PDB file of N, CA and C in Angstrom:
ATOM      1  N   PHE A   1      -7.418  16.686 -11.461  1.00  0.00           N
ATOM      2  CA  PHE A   1      -7.684  16.021 -12.378  1.00  0.00           C
ATOM      3  C   PHE A   1      -9.651  15.530 -11.028  1.00  0.00           C
ATOM      4  N   ARG A   2     -10.766  16.815 -11.187  1.00  0.00           N
ATOM      5  CA  ARG A   2     -10.945  16.861  -9.452  1.00  0.00           C
ATOM      6  C   ARG A   2     -12.335  16.480 -10.026  1.00  0.00           C
ATOM      7  N   VAL A   3     -12.747  15.315 -11.148  1.00  0.00           N
ATOM      8  CA  VAL A   3     -13.427  14.255 -11.159  1.00  0.00           C
ATOM      9  C   VAL A   3     -12.943  12.633 -11.179  1.00  0.00           C
ATOM     10  N   GLY A   4     -10.875  13.336 -11.266  1.00  0.00           N
ATOM     11  CA  GLY A   4     -10.491  11.837 -11.126  1.00  0.00           C
ATOM     12  C   GLY A   4     -10.233  11.513 -12.345  1.00  0.00           C
ATOM     13  N   SER A   5     -10.771  11.971 -13.988  1.00  0.00           N
ATOM     14  CA  SER A   5     -10.338  11.200 -15.281  1.00  0.00           C
ATOM     15  C   SER A   5      -9.991  12.259 -16.265  1.00  0.00           C
ATOM     16  N   CYS A   6      -9.045  12.028 -17.409  1.00  0.00           N
ATOM     17  CA  CYS A   6      -9.144  13.651 -17.978  1.00  0.00           C
ATOM     18  C   CYS A   6      -9.630  12.905 -19.287  1.00  0.00           C
ATOM     19  N   TYR A   7     -11.363  11.907 -19.479  1.00  0.00           N
ATOM     20  CA  TYR A   7     -12.091  11.472 -21.036  1.00  0.00           C
ATOM     21  C   TYR A   7     -12.815  12.070 -20.225  1.00  0.00           C
ATOM     22  N   ASP A   8     -13.435  12.489 -21.777  1.00  0.00           N
ATOM     23  CA  ASP A   8     -14.485  13.217 -21.736  1.00  0.00           C
ATOM     24  C   ASP A   8     -15.813  11.974 -20.957  1.00  0.00           C
ATOM     25  N   TYR A   9     -16.835  12.854 -20.234  1.00  0.00           N
ATOM     26  CA  TYR A   9     -17.922  11.424 -20.381  1.00  0.00           C
ATOM     27  C   TYR A   9     -19.335  12.370 -20.551  1.00  0.00           C
ATOM     28  N   MET A  10     -20.336  11.977 -20.592  1.00  0.00           N
ATOM     29  CA  MET A  10     -21.722  12.030 -20.429  1.00  0.00           C
ATOM     30  C   MET A  10     -22.085  12.588 -18.724  1.00  0.00           C
ATOM     31  N   MET A  11     -22.691  13.637 -19.124  1.00  0.00           N
ATOM     32  CA  MET A  11     -23.367  13.482 -17.391  1.00  0.00           C
ATOM     33  C   MET A  11     -24.171  13.121 -17.317  1.00  0.00           C
ATOM     34  N   PHE A  12     -25.021  12.892 -15.682  1.00  0.00           N
ATOM     35  CA  PHE A  12     -25.881  12.025 -15.466  1.00  0.00           C
ATOM     36  C   PHE A  12     -26.381  13.067 -14.590  1.00  0.00           C
ATOM     37  N   ASP A  13     -28.514  12.827 -14.367  1.00  0.00           N
ATOM     38  CA  ASP A  13     -28.649  13.642 -13.968  1.00  0.00           C
ATOM     39  C   ASP A  13     -29.341  12.866 -12.764  1.00  0.00           C
ATOM     40  N   PRO A  14     -29.246  13.160 -11.860  1.00  0.00           N
ATOM     41  CA  PRO A  14     -29.075  12.405 -10.229  1.00  0.00           C
ATOM     42  C   PRO A  14     -30.645  12.973 -10.042  1.00  0.00           C
ATOM     43  N   VAL A  15     -31.522  13.329 -10.262  1.00  0.00           N
ATOM     44  CA  VAL A  15     -33.238  14.102  -9.913  1.00  0.00           C
ATOM     45  C   VAL A  15     -33.873  13.259 -10.727  1.00  0.00           C
ATOM     46  N   ASN A  16     -33.957  12.563 -12.487  1.00  0.00           N
ATOM     47  CA  ASN A  16     -34.633  11.155 -12.947  1.00  0.00           C
ATOM     48  C   ASN A  16     -33.991  10.351 -13.270  1.00  0.00           C
ATOM     49  N   HIS A  17     -32.661   9.883 -11.982  1.00  0.00           N
ATOM     50  CA  HIS A  17     -31.752   8.916 -12.804  1.00  0.00           C
ATOM     51  C   HIS A  17     -31.495   8.241 -14.570  1.00  0.00           C
ATOM     52  N   LYS A  18     -31.076   9.183 -14.350  1.00  0.00           N
ATOM     53  CA  LYS A  18     -30.605   8.538 -16.029  1.00  0.00           C
ATOM     54  C   LYS A  18     -29.292   9.368 -16.430  1.00  0.00           C
ATOM     55  N   VAL A  19     -28.961   9.192 -18.012  1.00  0.00           N
ATOM     56  CA  VAL A  19     -27.224   9.035 -18.270  1.00  0.00           C
ATOM     57  C   VAL A  19     -28.253  10.892 -19.294  1.00  0.00           C
ATOM     58  N   ASN A  20     -27.129  11.538 -19.224  1.00  0.00           N
ATOM     59  CA  ASN A  20     -28.038  12.356 -20.001  1.00  0.00           C
ATOM     60  C   ASN A  20     -27.033  12.482 -21.660  1.00  0.00           C
ATOM     61  N   LYS A  21     -27.094  13.506 -22.380  1.00  0.00           N
ATOM     62  CA  LYS A  21     -26.750  13.705 -23.653  1.00  0.00           C
ATOM     63  C   LYS A  21     -26.080  14.586 -23.674  1.00  0.00           C
ATOM     64  N   ILE A  22     -25.710  14.663 -22.748  1.00  0.00           N
ATOM     65  CA  ILE A  22     -24.497  16.632 -22.695  1.00  0.00           C
ATOM     66  C   ILE A  22     -23.087  15.351 -22.113  1.00  0.00           C
ATOM     67  N   ILE A  23     -22.205  16.252 -22.559  1.00  0.00           N
ATOM     68  CA  ILE A  23     -20.496  15.497 -22.612  1.00  0.00           C
ATOM     69  C   ILE A  23     -19.682  16.649 -21.858  1.00  0.00           C
ATOM     70  N   GLN A  24     -19.521  16.022 -21.056  1.00  0.00           N
ATOM     71  CA  GLN A  24     -18.658  16.910 -20.242  1.00  0.00           C
ATOM     72  C   GLN A  24     -17.160  16.373 -20.285  1.00  0.00           C
ATOM     73  N   GLN A  25     -16.426  18.217 -20.415  1.00  0.00           N
ATOM     74  CA  GLN A  25     -14.897  17.504 -20.815  1.00  0.00           C
ATOM     75  C   GLN A  25     -14.657  18.181 -19.825  1.00  0.00           C
ATOM     76  N   PRO A  26     -13.666  17.468 -18.075  1.00  0.00           N
ATOM     77  CA  PRO A  26     -12.898  17.732 -17.953  1.00  0.00           C
ATOM     78  C   PRO A  26     -12.370  18.292 -17.098  1.00  0.00           C
ATOM     79  N   LEU A  27     -12.782  20.102 -16.369  1.00  0.00           N
ATOM     80  CA  LEU A  27     -11.072  20.665 -16.052  1.00  0.00           C
ATOM     81  C   LEU A  27     -10.246  19.802 -15.165  1.00  0.00           C
ATOM     82  N   ILE A  28      -9.283  20.658 -16.517  1.00  0.00           N
ATOM     83  CA  ILE A  28      -7.624  19.426 -15.322  1.00  0.00           C
ATOM     84  C   ILE A  28      -7.113  20.794 -14.490  1.00  0.00           C
ATOM     85  N   LEU A  29      -6.744  22.068 -15.211  1.00  0.00           N
ATOM     86  CA  LEU A  29      -6.035  22.424 -14.543  1.00  0.00           C
ATOM     87  C   LEU A  29      -6.228  24.477 -14.524  1.00  0.00           C
ATOM     88  N   MET A  30      -6.312  24.583 -13.836  1.00  0.00           N
ATOM     89  CA  MET A  30      -7.011  26.354 -13.742  1.00  0.00           C
ATOM     90  C   MET A  30      -5.793  26.595 -13.361  1.00  0.00           C
ATOM     91  N   ASP A  31      -5.284  28.197 -14.400  1.00  0.00           N
ATOM     92  CA  ASP A  31      -4.340  29.134 -13.836  1.00  0.00           C
ATOM     93  C   ASP A  31      -4.334  29.892 -12.129  1.00  0.00           C
ATOM     94  N   VAL A  32      -5.566  29.381 -11.955  1.00  0.00           N
ATOM     95  CA  VAL A  32      -5.649  29.973 -10.223  1.00  0.00           C
ATOM     96  C   VAL A  32      -5.451  29.165  -9.396  1.00  0.00           C
ATOM     97  N   ALA A  33      -5.695  28.373  -9.159  1.00  0.00           N
ATOM     98  CA  ALA A  33      -5.315  26.896  -8.648  1.00  0.00           C
ATOM     99  C   ALA A  33      -3.968  27.070  -8.064  1.00  0.00           C
ATOM    100  N   LEU A  34      -3.274  26.811  -9.492  1.00  0.00           N
ATOM    101  CA  LEU A  34      -1.429  26.805  -9.877  1.00  0.00           C
ATOM    102  C   LEU A  34      -0.863  27.929  -8.976  1.00  0.00           C
ATOM    103  N   PHE A  35      -1.782  29.305  -9.102  1.00  0.00           N
ATOM    104  CA  PHE A  35      -0.407  30.527  -8.733  1.00  0.00           C
ATOM    105  C   PHE A  35      -1.514  30.260  -7.739  1.00  0.00           C
ATOM    106  N   GLU A  36      -2.057  30.526  -7.185  1.00  0.00           N
ATOM    107  CA  GLU A  36      -2.330  30.212  -5.647  1.00  0.00           C
ATOM    108  C   GLU A  36      -1.092  28.617  -5.125  1.00  0.00           C
ATOM    109  N   MET A  37      -1.411  28.017  -5.506  1.00  0.00           N
ATOM    110  CA  MET A  37      -0.281  26.973  -4.521  1.00  0.00           C
ATOM    111  C   MET A  37       1.102  27.452  -5.081  1.00  0.00           C
ATOM    112  N   ALA A  38       1.468  27.992  -5.934  1.00  0.00           N
ATOM    113  CA  ALA A  38       2.700  28.144  -5.895  1.00  0.00           C
ATOM    114  C   ALA A  38       2.887  29.243  -5.138  1.00  0.00           C
ATOM    115  N   SER A  39       2.140  30.478  -4.616  1.00  0.00           N
ATOM    116  CA  SER A  39       1.910  31.777  -4.133  1.00  0.00           C
ATOM    117  C   SER A  39       2.207  31.144  -2.206  1.00  0.00           C
ATOM    118  N   LYS A  40       1.931  29.673  -2.066  1.00  0.00           N
ATOM    119  CA  LYS A  40       2.157  29.212  -0.528  1.00  0.00           C
ATOM    120  C   LYS A  40       3.042  28.729  -0.286  1.00  0.00           C
ATOM    121  N   ILE A  41       4.330  28.586  -1.603  1.00  0.00           N
ATOM    122  CA  ILE A  41       5.683  27.487  -1.753  1.00  0.00           C
ATOM    123  C   ILE A  41       6.415  28.464  -1.739  1.00  0.00           C
ATOM    124  N   PHE A  42       6.511  29.568  -3.182  1.00  0.00           N
ATOM    125  CA  PHE A  42       7.191  30.600  -2.981  1.00  0.00           C
ATOM    126  C   PHE A  42       7.321  32.268  -3.250  1.00  0.00           C
ATOM    127  N   ASN A  43       7.803  32.963  -3.015  1.00  0.00           N
ATOM    128  CA  ASN A  43       7.603  34.444  -2.534  1.00  0.00           C
ATOM    129  C   ASN A  43       8.201  34.964  -4.033  1.00  0.00           C
ATOM    130  N   ASN A  44       8.696  34.592  -5.130  1.00  0.00           N
ATOM    131  CA  ASN A  44       9.456  35.267  -5.980  1.00  0.00           C
ATOM    132  C   ASN A  44       9.831  34.405  -7.390  1.00  0.00           C
ATOM    133  N   ASP A  45      10.200  34.533  -7.837  1.00  0.00           N
ATOM    134  CA  ASP A  45       9.702  33.916  -9.667  1.00  0.00           C
ATOM    135  C   ASP A  45      10.472  32.912  -9.938  1.00  0.00           C
ATOM    136  N   ASP A  46      10.710  31.745  -8.742  1.00  0.00           N
ATOM    137  CA  ASP A  46      11.151  31.083  -8.063  1.00  0.00           C
ATOM    138  C   ASP A  46       9.328  29.688  -8.291  1.00  0.00           C
ATOM    139  N   LYS A  47       8.884  30.499  -7.986  1.00  0.00           N
ATOM    140  CA  LYS A  47       7.512  30.231  -8.379  1.00  0.00           C
ATOM    141  C   LYS A  47       7.351  30.120  -9.520  1.00  0.00           C
ATOM    142  N   TYR A  48       6.742  30.491 -10.472  1.00  0.00           N
ATOM    143  CA  TYR A  48       7.476  30.318 -12.455  1.00  0.00           C
ATOM    144  C   TYR A  48       7.830  28.647 -12.937  1.00  0.00           C
ATOM    145  N   ASP A  49       9.247  28.258 -11.954  1.00  0.00           N
ATOM    146  CA  ASP A  49       9.216  27.414 -12.966  1.00  0.00           C
ATOM    147  C   ASP A  49       8.603  26.371 -12.155  1.00  0.00           C
ATOM    148  N   TYR A  50       8.810  26.661 -10.312  1.00  0.00           N
ATOM    149  CA  TYR A  50       7.454  25.466  -9.753  1.00  0.00           C
ATOM    150  C   TYR A  50       6.138  25.119 -10.835  1.00  0.00           C
ATOM    151  N   MET A  51       5.091  26.710 -10.611  1.00  0.00           N
ATOM    152  CA  MET A  51       3.905  26.359 -11.550  1.00  0.00           C
ATOM    153  C   MET A  51       4.580  25.314 -12.979  1.00  0.00           C
ATOM    154  N   ARG A  52       5.374  25.911 -14.195  1.00  0.00           N
ATOM    155  CA  ARG A  52       5.884  24.800 -15.095  1.00  0.00           C
ATOM    156  C   ARG A  52       6.489  23.307 -15.318  1.00  0.00           C
ATOM    157  N   ARG A  53       6.535  22.900 -13.768  1.00  0.00           N
ATOM    158  CA  ARG A  53       7.174  21.749 -13.832  1.00  0.00           C
ATOM    159  C   ARG A  53       5.891  20.831 -13.508  1.00  0.00           C
ATOM    160  N   GLU A  54       4.709  21.765 -12.772  1.00  0.00           N
ATOM    161  CA  GLU A  54       4.191  20.785 -12.206  1.00  0.00           C
ATOM    162  C   GLU A  54       2.919  21.299 -12.961  1.00  0.00           C
ATOM    163  N   ALA A  55       2.640  22.140 -13.872  1.00  0.00           N
ATOM    164  CA  ALA A  55       1.171  22.321 -14.890  1.00  0.00           C
ATOM    165  C   ALA A  55       2.479  21.172 -16.323  1.00  0.00           C
ATOM    166  N   LEU A  56       3.747  21.113 -16.335  1.00  0.00           N
ATOM    167  CA  LEU A  56       3.991  20.022 -17.270  1.00  0.00           C
ATOM    168  C   LEU A  56       3.810  18.400 -16.782  1.00  0.00           C
ATOM    169  N   LYS A  57       3.844  18.424 -16.149  1.00  0.00           N
ATOM    170  CA  LYS A  57       3.847  17.002 -14.728  1.00  0.00           C
ATOM    171  C   LYS A  57       2.370  16.697 -15.815  1.00  0.00           C
ATOM    172  N   VAL A  58       1.040  17.954 -15.179  1.00  0.00           N
ATOM    173  CA  VAL A  58      -0.348  16.772 -15.479  1.00  0.00           C
ATOM    174  C   VAL A  58      -0.473  16.740 -16.847  1.00  0.00           C
ATOM    175  N   LYS A  59       0.797  17.689 -17.739  1.00  0.00           N
ATOM    176  CA  LYS A  59      -0.934  17.854 -19.253  1.00  0.00           C
ATOM    177  C   LYS A  59       0.218  16.790 -19.704  1.00  0.00           C
ATOM    178  N   GLU A  60       1.311  16.446 -18.934  1.00  0.00           N
ATOM    179  CA  GLU A  60       2.282  14.901 -19.617  1.00  0.00           C
ATOM    180  C   GLU A  60       1.385  13.484 -19.569  1.00  0.00           C
ATOM    181  N   ILE A  61       0.783  13.713 -17.927  1.00  0.00           N
ATOM    182  CA  ILE A  61      -0.389  12.242 -18.205  1.00  0.00           C
ATOM    183  C   ILE A  61      -1.249  12.305 -18.102  1.00  0.00           C
ATOM    184  N   CYS A  62      -1.841  13.250 -18.365  1.00  0.00           N
ATOM    185  CA  CYS A  62      -2.722  13.559 -19.773  1.00  0.00           C
ATOM    186  C   CYS A  62      -3.067  12.300 -20.959  1.00  0.00           C
ATOM    187  N   HIS A  63      -1.759  13.218 -21.595  1.00  0.00           N
ATOM    188  CA  HIS A  63      -0.804  12.427 -22.773  1.00  0.00           C
ATOM    189  C   HIS A  63      -0.887  11.017 -23.371  1.00  0.00           C
ATOM    190  N   PHE A  64       0.119  10.823 -21.693  1.00  0.00           N
ATOM    191  CA  PHE A  64       0.439   9.247 -21.632  1.00  0.00           C
ATOM    192  C   PHE A  64      -1.010   7.929 -21.556  1.00  0.00           C
ATOM    193  N   TYR A  65      -1.885   8.826 -21.090  1.00  0.00           N
ATOM    194  CA  TYR A  65      -3.329   8.021 -20.901  1.00  0.00           C
ATOM    195  C   TYR A  65      -3.701   8.732 -22.239  1.00  0.00           C
ATOM    196  N   LYS A  66      -3.103   8.886 -23.112  1.00  0.00           N
ATOM    197  CA  LYS A  66      -4.362   9.696 -23.761  1.00  0.00           C
ATOM    198  C   LYS A  66      -5.584  10.484 -23.964  1.00  0.00           C
ATOM    199  N   GLY A  67      -5.903  10.796 -22.562  1.00  0.00           N
ATOM    200  CA  GLY A  67      -6.568  11.644 -22.358  1.00  0.00           C
ATOM    201  C   GLY A  67      -6.226  13.380 -23.172  1.00  0.00           C
ATOM    202  N   ASP A  68      -7.627  13.945 -22.363  1.00  0.00           N
ATOM    203  CA  ASP A  68      -7.151  15.244 -22.902  1.00  0.00           C
ATOM    204  C   ASP A  68      -6.838  17.141 -21.797  1.00  0.00           C
ATOM    205  N   PHE A  69      -5.695  17.498 -22.050  1.00  0.00           N
ATOM    206  CA  PHE A  69      -5.913  18.345 -21.056  1.00  0.00           C
ATOM    207  C   PHE A  69      -6.635  19.517 -21.330  1.00  0.00           C
ATOM    208  N   VAL A  70      -8.020  19.513 -20.914  1.00  0.00           N
ATOM    209  CA  VAL A  70      -8.437  20.678 -20.277  1.00  0.00           C
ATOM    210  C   VAL A  70      -7.901  22.086 -19.608  1.00  0.00           C
ATOM    211  N   LEU A  71      -7.311  23.486 -20.792  1.00  0.00           N
ATOM    212  CA  LEU A  71      -6.635  24.113 -19.281  1.00  0.00           C
ATOM    213  C   LEU A  71      -7.665  25.627 -19.335  1.00  0.00           C
ATOM    214  N   LEU A  72      -7.956  26.017 -18.570  1.00  0.00           N
ATOM    215  CA  LEU A  72      -8.877  27.606 -17.990  1.00  0.00           C
ATOM    216  C   LEU A  72      -7.869  28.138 -16.933  1.00  0.00           C
ATOM    217  N   TRP A  73      -7.361  29.315 -18.342  1.00  0.00           N
ATOM    218  CA  TRP A  73      -6.524  29.955 -18.242  1.00  0.00           C
ATOM    219  C   TRP A  73      -7.018  31.964 -17.906  1.00  0.00           C
ATOM    220  N   HIS A  74      -7.021  32.659 -17.372  1.00  0.00           N
ATOM    221  CA  HIS A  74      -8.695  33.634 -17.699  1.00  0.00           C
ATOM    222  C   HIS A  74      -6.826  34.405 -17.890  1.00  0.00           C
ATOM    223  N   ASN A  75      -8.123  35.527 -18.576  1.00  0.00           N
ATOM    224  CA  ASN A  75      -6.868  36.665 -18.968  1.00  0.00           C
ATOM    225  C   ASN A  75      -6.430  37.975 -18.448  1.00  0.00           C
ATOM    226  N   ASN A  76      -6.583  37.929 -17.824  1.00  0.00           N
ATOM    227  CA  ASN A  76      -6.033  38.730 -15.592  1.00  0.00           C
ATOM    228  C   ASN A  76      -5.087  38.150 -15.856  1.00  0.00           C
ATOM    229  N   GLN A  77      -3.836  36.838 -16.251  1.00  0.00           N
ATOM    230  CA  GLN A  77      -3.664  35.577 -15.565  1.00  0.00           C
ATOM    231  C   GLN A  77      -2.581  35.888 -16.903  1.00  0.00           C
ATOM    232  N   LEU A  78      -2.800  37.189 -17.648  1.00  0.00           N
ATOM    233  CA  LEU A  78      -1.247  37.195 -18.629  1.00  0.00           C
ATOM    234  C   LEU A  78      -1.207  38.498 -18.949  1.00  0.00           C
ATOM    235  N   SER A  79      -1.553  38.976 -17.631  1.00  0.00           N
ATOM    236  CA  SER A  79      -0.901  40.320 -17.801  1.00  0.00           C
ATOM    237  C   SER A  79       1.004  40.942 -17.639  1.00  0.00           C
ATOM    238  N   LYS A  80       1.823  39.638 -16.557  1.00  0.00           N
ATOM    239  CA  LYS A  80       2.943  39.546 -16.728  1.00  0.00           C
ATOM    240  C   LYS A  80       3.568  38.691 -17.857  1.00  0.00           C
ATOM    241  N   LYS A  81       4.768  38.706 -18.029  1.00  0.00           N
ATOM    242  CA  LYS A  81       5.460  37.988 -18.957  1.00  0.00           C
ATOM    243  C   LYS A  81       5.829  36.638 -19.220  1.00  0.00           C
ATOM    244  N   GLU A  82       5.886  35.727 -17.439  1.00  0.00           N
ATOM    245  CA  GLU A  82       6.042  34.756 -17.327  1.00  0.00           C
ATOM    246  C   GLU A  82       4.907  34.171 -17.103  1.00  0.00           C
ATOM    247  N   GLN A  83       3.185  35.298 -17.667  1.00  0.00           N
ATOM    248  CA  GLN A  83       2.504  34.788 -16.820  1.00  0.00           C
ATOM    249  C   GLN A  83       2.832  32.937 -18.739  1.00  0.00           C
ATOM    250  N   LYS A  84       2.174  34.374 -19.230  1.00  0.00           N
ATOM    251  CA  LYS A  84       2.031  34.513 -21.027  1.00  0.00           C
ATOM    252  C   LYS A  84       3.323  34.479 -21.109  1.00  0.00           C
ATOM    253  N   ASN A  85       4.163  33.783 -21.215  1.00  0.00           N
ATOM    254  CA  ASN A  85       5.319  32.380 -21.264  1.00  0.00           C
ATOM    255  C   ASN A  85       4.447  31.159 -20.926  1.00  0.00           C
ATOM    256  N   LEU A  86       3.920  30.720 -19.659  1.00  0.00           N
ATOM    257  CA  LEU A  86       3.990  29.774 -19.155  1.00  0.00           C
ATOM    258  C   LEU A  86       2.724  29.249 -20.063  1.00  0.00           C
ATOM    259  N   TYR A  87       1.604  30.349 -20.707  1.00  0.00           N
ATOM    260  CA  TYR A  87       0.589  30.115 -20.419  1.00  0.00           C
ATOM    261  C   TYR A  87       0.721  29.505 -22.644  1.00  0.00           C
ATOM    262  N   LEU A  88       1.846  30.091 -22.899  1.00  0.00           N
ATOM    263  CA  LEU A  88       2.213  30.111 -24.247  1.00  0.00           C
ATOM    264  C   LEU A  88       2.415  28.420 -24.587  1.00  0.00           C
ATOM    265  N   GLU A  89       3.175  28.062 -23.540  1.00  0.00           N
ATOM    266  CA  GLU A  89       4.082  27.176 -23.769  1.00  0.00           C
ATOM    267  C   GLU A  89       2.401  25.778 -23.422  1.00  0.00           C
ATOM    268  N   LEU A  90       2.756  25.620 -22.263  1.00  0.00           N
ATOM    269  CA  LEU A  90       1.575  24.937 -22.238  1.00  0.00           C
ATOM    270  C   LEU A  90       0.198  24.382 -23.498  1.00  0.00           C
ATOM    271  N   ILE A  91      -0.037  25.632 -23.811  1.00  0.00           N
ATOM    272  CA  ILE A  91      -1.093  25.602 -25.183  1.00  0.00           C
ATOM    273  C   ILE A  91      -0.616  24.791 -26.781  1.00  0.00           C
ATOM    274  N   LYS A  92       0.661  24.229 -26.001  1.00  0.00           N
ATOM    275  CA  LYS A  92       1.648  23.746 -27.277  1.00  0.00           C
ATOM    276  C   LYS A  92       0.982  22.598 -27.528  1.00  0.00           C
TER     277      LYS A  92
END
């Protein structure tokens, strides 16, 4: 929740001090941030259980508030079976 919201919003032009017609969909979760956070805590496969729990919590919060769960997942983060399984679970 970088901008503190899971809802689309109109972008603001700070130079001209007006709202643009561009709609921003805020990024909620990024794979690299999730892996980085888990790697600082765990050194083994327990990190995938932790990442799964934390990611699903965030997804549930978005759905509870009827917001959008916008996920950024880089294709190079699909090389391990655990990464792919987590990704597939999150996009359900």
